[in-house]
Structure formats: structure tokens, C-alpha cells
Amino acid sequence: MDESSAQQKAKIENRHQAFIERQNHCPLCGTQLEIRVESYLEDYTLREEAHCPDCDVLARVKDHKMH
């Protein structure tokens, strides 16, 4: 692997790590979020809720369609 592709791989890994941090930690205080998943089988949907236990803030709610 040449230096350019090694640098590119490191850059991608850094962006991935930053994304994981944003998804799993509170944007206000940085505490790890508690994530709850609920299934709604009647319309094949999963609801994801991310809650900060320190701030008592609902940080994210997403509905995901199951295929």
C-alpha cells in the first residue's frame, strides 16, 4: 500500500470514528446515549430512540422500515 492510499484509509477511518462518536454520545454533554429500539410489526417498522441519562434529553428518534 503506498503512502497516498494509507493516508486516504486513515482519513476514512477518522471520519468513521467521528460519525460513531456523534451517533453514540450526547451532543450537549458528551455522555453515552441510552438507545432503545421498539418494533412495530403491523407496519414493519423499528423505532430507535436515543436518550441522554445526564441531560434527560431525547437526542434522536428515527423510524426504520424493515424489508
PDB file of N, CA and C in Angstrom:
ATOM      1  N   MET A   1       0.856  -1.168   0.000  1.00  0.00           N
ATOM      2  CA  MET A   1       0.000   0.000   0.000  1.00  0.00           C
ATOM      3  C   MET A   1       0.903   1.231   0.000  1.00  0.00           C
ATOM      4  N   ASP A   2       0.683   2.123  -0.951  1.00  0.00           N
ATOM      5  CA  ASP A   2       1.513   3.311  -0.987  1.00  0.00           C
ATOM      6  C   ASP A   2       1.034   4.338   0.037  1.00  0.00           C
ATOM      7  N   GLU A   3       1.833   5.386   0.205  1.00  0.00           N
ATOM      8  CA  GLU A   3       1.555   6.384   1.247  1.00  0.00           C
ATOM      9  C   GLU A   3       0.231   7.092   1.026  1.00  0.00           C
ATOM     10  N   SER A   4      -0.095   7.392  -0.230  1.00  0.00           N
ATOM     11  CA  SER A   4      -1.335   8.094  -0.538  1.00  0.00           C
ATOM     12  C   SER A   4      -2.562   7.280  -0.138  1.00  0.00           C
ATOM     13  N   SER A   5      -2.589   5.995  -0.467  1.00  0.00           N
ATOM     14  CA  SER A   5      -3.742   5.171  -0.104  1.00  0.00           C
ATOM     15  C   SER A   5      -3.775   4.913   1.399  1.00  0.00           C
ATOM     16  N   ALA A   6      -2.617   4.866   2.054  1.00  0.00           N
ATOM     17  CA  ALA A   6      -2.583   4.716   3.510  1.00  0.00           C
ATOM     18  C   ALA A   6      -3.156   5.961   4.183  1.00  0.00           C
ATOM     19  N   GLN A   7      -2.832   7.131   3.651  1.00  0.00           N
ATOM     20  CA  GLN A   7      -3.381   8.375   4.194  1.00  0.00           C
ATOM     21  C   GLN A   7      -4.880   8.444   3.962  1.00  0.00           C
ATOM     22  N   GLN A   8      -5.309   8.014   2.785  1.00  0.00           N
ATOM     23  CA  GLN A   8      -6.740   8.021   2.465  1.00  0.00           C
ATOM     24  C   GLN A   8      -7.498   7.068   3.395  1.00  0.00           C
ATOM     25  N   LYS A   9      -6.934   5.903   3.643  1.00  0.00           N
ATOM     26  CA  LYS A   9      -7.566   4.942   4.542  1.00  0.00           C
ATOM     27  C   LYS A   9      -7.654   5.511   5.958  1.00  0.00           C
ATOM     28  N   ALA A  10      -6.600   6.168   6.432  1.00  0.00           N
ATOM     29  CA  ALA A  10      -6.604   6.777   7.765  1.00  0.00           C
ATOM     30  C   ALA A  10      -7.657   7.883   7.852  1.00  0.00           C
ATOM     31  N   LYS A  11      -7.803   8.660   6.781  1.00  0.00           N
ATOM     32  CA  LYS A  11      -8.797   9.731   6.752  1.00  0.00           C
ATOM     33  C   LYS A  11     -10.215   9.163   6.852  1.00  0.00           C
ATOM     34  N   ILE A  12     -10.474   8.087   6.117  1.00  0.00           N
ATOM     35  CA  ILE A  12     -11.791   7.439   6.156  1.00  0.00           C
ATOM     36  C   ILE A  12     -12.057   6.869   7.546  1.00  0.00           C
ATOM     37  N   GLU A  13     -11.055   6.226   8.142  1.00  0.00           N
ATOM     38  CA  GLU A  13     -11.217   5.669   9.482  1.00  0.00           C
ATOM     39  C   GLU A  13     -11.494   6.767  10.505  1.00  0.00           C
ATOM     40  N   ASN A  14     -10.844   7.919  10.364  1.00  0.00           N
ATOM     41  CA  ASN A  14     -11.082   9.040  11.277  1.00  0.00           C
ATOM     42  C   ASN A  14     -12.504   9.577  11.136  1.00  0.00           C
ATOM     43  N   ARG A  15     -12.973   9.689   9.884  1.00  0.00           N
ATOM     44  CA  ARG A  15     -14.354  10.152   9.668  1.00  0.00           C
ATOM     45  C   ARG A  15     -15.358   9.152  10.233  1.00  0.00           C
ATOM     46  N   HIS A  16     -15.084   7.874  10.058  1.00  0.00           N
ATOM     47  CA  HIS A  16     -15.965   6.847  10.588  1.00  0.00           C
ATOM     48  C   HIS A  16     -16.017   6.931  12.110  1.00  0.00           C
ATOM     49  N   GLN A  17     -14.866   7.066  12.751  1.00  0.00           N
ATOM     50  CA  GLN A  17     -14.821   7.172  14.213  1.00  0.00           C
ATOM     51  C   GLN A  17     -15.585   8.404  14.702  1.00  0.00           C
ATOM     52  N   ALA A  18     -15.448   9.535  13.999  1.00  0.00           N
ATOM     53  CA  ALA A  18     -16.174  10.753  14.368  1.00  0.00           C
ATOM     54  C   ALA A  18     -17.680  10.542  14.236  1.00  0.00           C
ATOM     55  N   PHE A  19     -18.104   9.838  13.190  1.00  0.00           N
ATOM     56  CA  PHE A  19     -19.526   9.541  12.993  1.00  0.00           C
ATOM     57  C   PHE A  19     -20.055   8.682  14.145  1.00  0.00           C
ATOM     58  N   ILE A  20     -19.303   7.653  14.520  1.00  0.00           N
ATOM     59  CA  ILE A  20     -19.719   6.772  15.619  1.00  0.00           C
ATOM     60  C   ILE A  20     -19.840   7.576  16.917  1.00  0.00           C
ATOM     61  N   GLU A  21     -18.908   8.460  17.169  1.00  0.00           N
ATOM     62  CA  GLU A  21     -18.963   9.307  18.373  1.00  0.00           C
ATOM     63  C   GLU A  21     -20.225  10.173  18.367  1.00  0.00           C
ATOM     64  N   ARG A  22     -20.541  10.790  17.220  1.00  0.00           N
ATOM     65  CA  ARG A  22     -21.742  11.643  17.133  1.00  0.00           C
ATOM     66  C   ARG A  22     -23.013  10.843  17.349  1.00  0.00           C
ATOM     67  N   GLN A  23     -23.054   9.614  16.851  1.00  0.00           N
ATOM     68  CA  GLN A  23     -24.251   8.789  16.974  1.00  0.00           C
ATOM     69  C   GLN A  23     -24.464   8.260  18.391  1.00  0.00           C
ATOM     70  N   ASN A  24     -23.395   8.026  19.122  1.00  0.00           N
ATOM     71  CA  ASN A  24     -23.494   7.350  20.420  1.00  0.00           C
ATOM     72  C   ASN A  24     -23.340   8.253  21.634  1.00  0.00           C
ATOM     73  N   HIS A  25     -23.061   9.535  21.425  1.00  0.00           N
ATOM     74  CA  HIS A  25     -22.844  10.436  22.557  1.00  0.00           C
ATOM     75  C   HIS A  25     -23.731  11.671  22.451  1.00  0.00           C
ATOM     76  N   CYS A  26     -24.109  12.194  23.600  1.00  0.00           N
ATOM     77  CA  CYS A  26     -24.982  13.366  23.683  1.00  0.00           C
ATOM     78  C   CYS A  26     -24.295  14.582  23.051  1.00  0.00           C
ATOM     79  N   PRO A  27     -25.000  15.307  22.182  1.00  0.00           N
ATOM     80  CA  PRO A  27     -24.402  16.492  21.572  1.00  0.00           C
ATOM     81  C   PRO A  27     -24.228  17.643  22.559  1.00  0.00           C
ATOM     82  N   LEU A  28     -24.918  17.584  23.695  1.00  0.00           N
ATOM     83  CA  LEU A  28     -24.817  18.658  24.678  1.00  0.00           C
ATOM     84  C   LEU A  28     -23.712  18.431  25.705  1.00  0.00           C
ATOM     85  N   CYS A  29     -23.632  17.200  26.237  1.00  0.00           N
ATOM     86  CA  CYS A  29     -22.681  16.967  27.335  1.00  0.00           C
ATOM     87  C   CYS A  29     -21.653  15.879  27.054  1.00  0.00           C
ATOM     88  N   GLY A  30     -21.852  15.099  25.987  1.00  0.00           N
ATOM     89  CA  GLY A  30     -20.886  14.070  25.626  1.00  0.00           C
ATOM     90  C   GLY A  30     -21.083  12.719  26.301  1.00  0.00           C
ATOM     91  N   THR A  31     -22.095  12.594  27.149  1.00  0.00           N
ATOM     92  CA  THR A  31     -22.393  11.320  27.822  1.00  0.00           C
ATOM     93  C   THR A  31     -22.874  10.292  26.800  1.00  0.00           C
ATOM     94  N   GLN A  32     -22.544   9.037  27.049  1.00  0.00           N
ATOM     95  CA  GLN A  32     -23.010   7.971  26.157  1.00  0.00           C
ATOM     96  C   GLN A  32     -24.529   7.890  26.218  1.00  0.00           C
ATOM     97  N   LEU A  33     -25.161   7.857  25.039  1.00  0.00           N
ATOM     98  CA  LEU A  33     -26.617   7.806  24.950  1.00  0.00           C
ATOM     99  C   LEU A  33     -27.133   6.408  25.258  1.00  0.00           C
ATOM    100  N   GLU A  34     -28.311   6.356  25.847  1.00  0.00           N
ATOM    101  CA  GLU A  34     -29.026   5.098  26.031  1.00  0.00           C
ATOM    102  C   GLU A  34     -29.944   4.958  24.826  1.00  0.00           C
ATOM    103  N   ILE A  35     -29.797   3.865  24.103  1.00  0.00           N
ATOM    104  CA  ILE A  35     -30.567   3.666  22.880  1.00  0.00           C
ATOM    105  C   ILE A  35     -31.582   2.559  23.098  1.00  0.00           C
ATOM    106  N   ARG A  36     -32.829   2.878  22.784  1.00  0.00           N
ATOM    107  CA  ARG A  36     -33.922   1.926  22.926  1.00  0.00           C
ATOM    108  C   ARG A  36     -34.518   1.680  21.544  1.00  0.00           C
ATOM    109  N   VAL A  37     -34.813   0.432  21.252  1.00  0.00           N
ATOM    110  CA  VAL A  37     -35.407   0.068  19.964  1.00  0.00           C
ATOM    111  C   VAL A  37     -36.735  -0.617  20.230  1.00  0.00           C
ATOM    112  N   GLU A  38     -37.748  -0.167  19.506  1.00  0.00           N
ATOM    113  CA  GLU A  38     -39.085  -0.732  19.640  1.00  0.00           C
ATOM    114  C   GLU A  38     -39.543  -1.219  18.267  1.00  0.00           C
ATOM    115  N   SER A  39     -40.175  -2.364  18.230  1.00  0.00           N
ATOM    116  CA  SER A  39     -40.613  -2.955  16.973  1.00  0.00           C
ATOM    117  C   SER A  39     -42.120  -2.788  16.812  1.00  0.00           C
ATOM    118  N   TYR A  40     -42.524  -2.353  15.621  1.00  0.00           N
ATOM    119  CA  TYR A  40     -43.935  -2.248  15.267  1.00  0.00           C
ATOM    120  C   TYR A  40     -44.174  -3.202  14.105  1.00  0.00           C
ATOM    121  N   LEU A  41     -44.551  -4.417  14.418  1.00  0.00           N
ATOM    122  CA  LEU A  41     -44.676  -5.444  13.384  1.00  0.00           C
ATOM    123  C   LEU A  41     -45.833  -5.195  12.426  1.00  0.00           C
ATOM    124  N   GLU A  42     -46.864  -4.462  12.864  1.00  0.00           N
ATOM    125  CA  GLU A  42     -48.015  -4.256  11.984  1.00  0.00           C
ATOM    126  C   GLU A  42     -47.656  -3.462  10.727  1.00  0.00           C
ATOM    127  N   ASP A  43     -46.644  -2.599  10.807  1.00  0.00           N
ATOM    128  CA  ASP A  43     -46.221  -1.883   9.593  1.00  0.00           C
ATOM    129  C   ASP A  43     -44.722  -2.062   9.308  1.00  0.00           C
ATOM    130  N   TYR A  44     -44.126  -3.104   9.904  1.00  0.00           N
ATOM    131  CA  TYR A  44     -42.728  -3.464   9.659  1.00  0.00           C
ATOM    132  C   TYR A  44     -41.771  -2.288   9.883  1.00  0.00           C
ATOM    133  N   THR A  45     -41.903  -1.665  11.039  1.00  0.00           N
ATOM    134  CA  THR A  45     -41.079  -0.513  11.380  1.00  0.00           C
ATOM    135  C   THR A  45     -40.370  -0.742  12.706  1.00  0.00           C
ATOM    136  N   LEU A  46     -39.134  -0.256  12.781  1.00  0.00           N
ATOM    137  CA  LEU A  46     -38.397  -0.203  14.040  1.00  0.00           C
ATOM    138  C   LEU A  46     -38.237   1.260  14.419  1.00  0.00           C
ATOM    139  N   ARG A  47     -38.489   1.586  15.668  1.00  0.00           N
ATOM    140  CA  ARG A  47     -38.267   2.947  16.159  1.00  0.00           C
ATOM    141  C   ARG A  47     -37.052   2.930  17.068  1.00  0.00           C
ATOM    142  N   GLU A  48     -36.102   3.798  16.765  1.00  0.00           N
ATOM    143  CA  GLU A  48     -34.889   3.947  17.554  1.00  0.00           C
ATOM    144  C   GLU A  48     -34.975   5.275  18.302  1.00  0.00           C
ATOM    145  N   GLU A  49     -34.807   5.227  19.615  1.00  0.00           N
ATOM    146  CA  GLU A  49     -34.807   6.440  20.431  1.00  0.00           C
ATOM    147  C   GLU A  49     -33.509   6.496  21.212  1.00  0.00           C
ATOM    148  N   ALA A  50     -32.809   7.622  21.119  1.00  0.00           N
ATOM    149  CA  ALA A  50     -31.563   7.825  21.846  1.00  0.00           C
ATOM    150  C   ALA A  50     -31.804   8.896  22.903  1.00  0.00           C
ATOM    151  N   HIS A  51     -31.516   8.551  24.148  1.00  0.00           N
ATOM    152  CA  HIS A  51     -31.813   9.410  25.294  1.00  0.00           C
ATOM    153  C   HIS A  51     -30.546   9.626  26.116  1.00  0.00           C
ATOM    154  N   CYS A  52     -30.303  10.867  26.535  1.00  0.00           N
ATOM    155  CA  CYS A  52     -29.157  11.151  27.399  1.00  0.00           C
ATOM    156  C   CYS A  52     -29.597  11.043  28.854  1.00  0.00           C
ATOM    157  N   PRO A  53     -28.982  10.139  29.618  1.00  0.00           N
ATOM    158  CA  PRO A  53     -29.381   9.984  31.023  1.00  0.00           C
ATOM    159  C   PRO A  53     -28.961  11.167  31.897  1.00  0.00           C
ATOM    160  N   ASP A  54     -27.924  11.906  31.502  1.00  0.00           N
ATOM    161  CA  ASP A  54     -27.478  13.049  32.299  1.00  0.00           C
ATOM    162  C   ASP A  54     -28.304  14.301  32.037  1.00  0.00           C
ATOM    163  N   CYS A  55     -28.538  14.607  30.764  1.00  0.00           N
ATOM    164  CA  CYS A  55     -29.300  15.813  30.395  1.00  0.00           C
ATOM    165  C   CYS A  55     -30.806  15.580  30.437  1.00  0.00           C
ATOM    166  N   ASP A  56     -31.215  14.317  30.434  1.00  0.00           N
ATOM    167  CA  ASP A  56     -32.625  13.936  30.332  1.00  0.00           C
ATOM    168  C   ASP A  56     -33.251  14.516  29.059  1.00  0.00           C
ATOM    169  N   VAL A  57     -32.501  14.402  27.962  1.00  0.00           N
ATOM    170  CA  VAL A  57     -32.929  14.917  26.669  1.00  0.00           C
ATOM    171  C   VAL A  57     -33.069  13.753  25.693  1.00  0.00           C
ATOM    172  N   LEU A  58     -34.122  13.801  24.902  1.00  0.00           N
ATOM    173  CA  LEU A  58     -34.299  12.833  23.829  1.00  0.00           C
ATOM    174  C   LEU A  58     -33.485  13.346  22.645  1.00  0.00           C
ATOM    175  N   ALA A  59     -32.352  12.731  22.378  1.00  0.00           N
ATOM    176  CA  ALA A  59     -31.408  13.240  21.386  1.00  0.00           C
ATOM    177  C   ALA A  59     -31.778  12.850  19.962  1.00  0.00           C
ATOM    178  N   ARG A  60     -32.460  11.714  19.798  1.00  0.00           N
ATOM    179  CA  ARG A  60     -32.754  11.252  18.437  1.00  0.00           C
ATOM    180  C   ARG A  60     -33.917  10.273  18.469  1.00  0.00           C
ATOM    181  N   VAL A  61     -34.793  10.415  17.480  1.00  0.00           N
ATOM    182  CA  VAL A  61     -35.851   9.441  17.229  1.00  0.00           C
ATOM    183  C   VAL A  61     -35.855   9.171  15.735  1.00  0.00           C
ATOM    184  N   LYS A  62     -35.680   7.920  15.364  1.00  0.00           N
ATOM    185  CA  LYS A  62     -35.686   7.547  13.943  1.00  0.00           C
ATOM    186  C   LYS A  62     -36.547   6.309  13.763  1.00  0.00           C
ATOM    187  N   ASP A  63     -37.323   6.328  12.705  1.00  0.00           N
ATOM    188  CA  ASP A  63     -38.093   5.154  12.312  1.00  0.00           C
ATOM    189  C   ASP A  63     -37.386   4.505  11.128  1.00  0.00           C
ATOM    190  N   HIS A  64     -37.212   3.194  11.206  1.00  0.00           N
ATOM    191  CA  HIS A  64     -36.542   2.427  10.160  1.00  0.00           C
ATOM    192  C   HIS A  64     -37.517   1.401   9.601  1.00  0.00           C
ATOM    193  N   LYS A  65     -37.663   1.366   8.298  1.00  0.00           N
ATOM    194  CA  LYS A  65     -38.507   0.375   7.652  1.00  0.00           C
ATOM    195  C   LYS A  65     -37.758  -0.934   7.537  1.00  0.00           C
ATOM    196  N   MET A  66     -38.407  -2.040   7.908  1.00  0.00           N
ATOM    197  CA  MET A  66     -37.822  -3.365   7.727  1.00  0.00           C
ATOM    198  C   MET A  66     -38.224  -3.874   6.353  1.00  0.00           C
ATOM    199  N   HIS A  67     -37.327  -4.590   5.716  1.00  0.00           N
ATOM    200  CA  HIS A  67     -37.605  -5.128   4.371  1.00  0.00           C
ATOM    201  C   HIS A  67     -37.914  -6.589   4.460  1.00  0.00           C
TER     202      HIS A  67
END
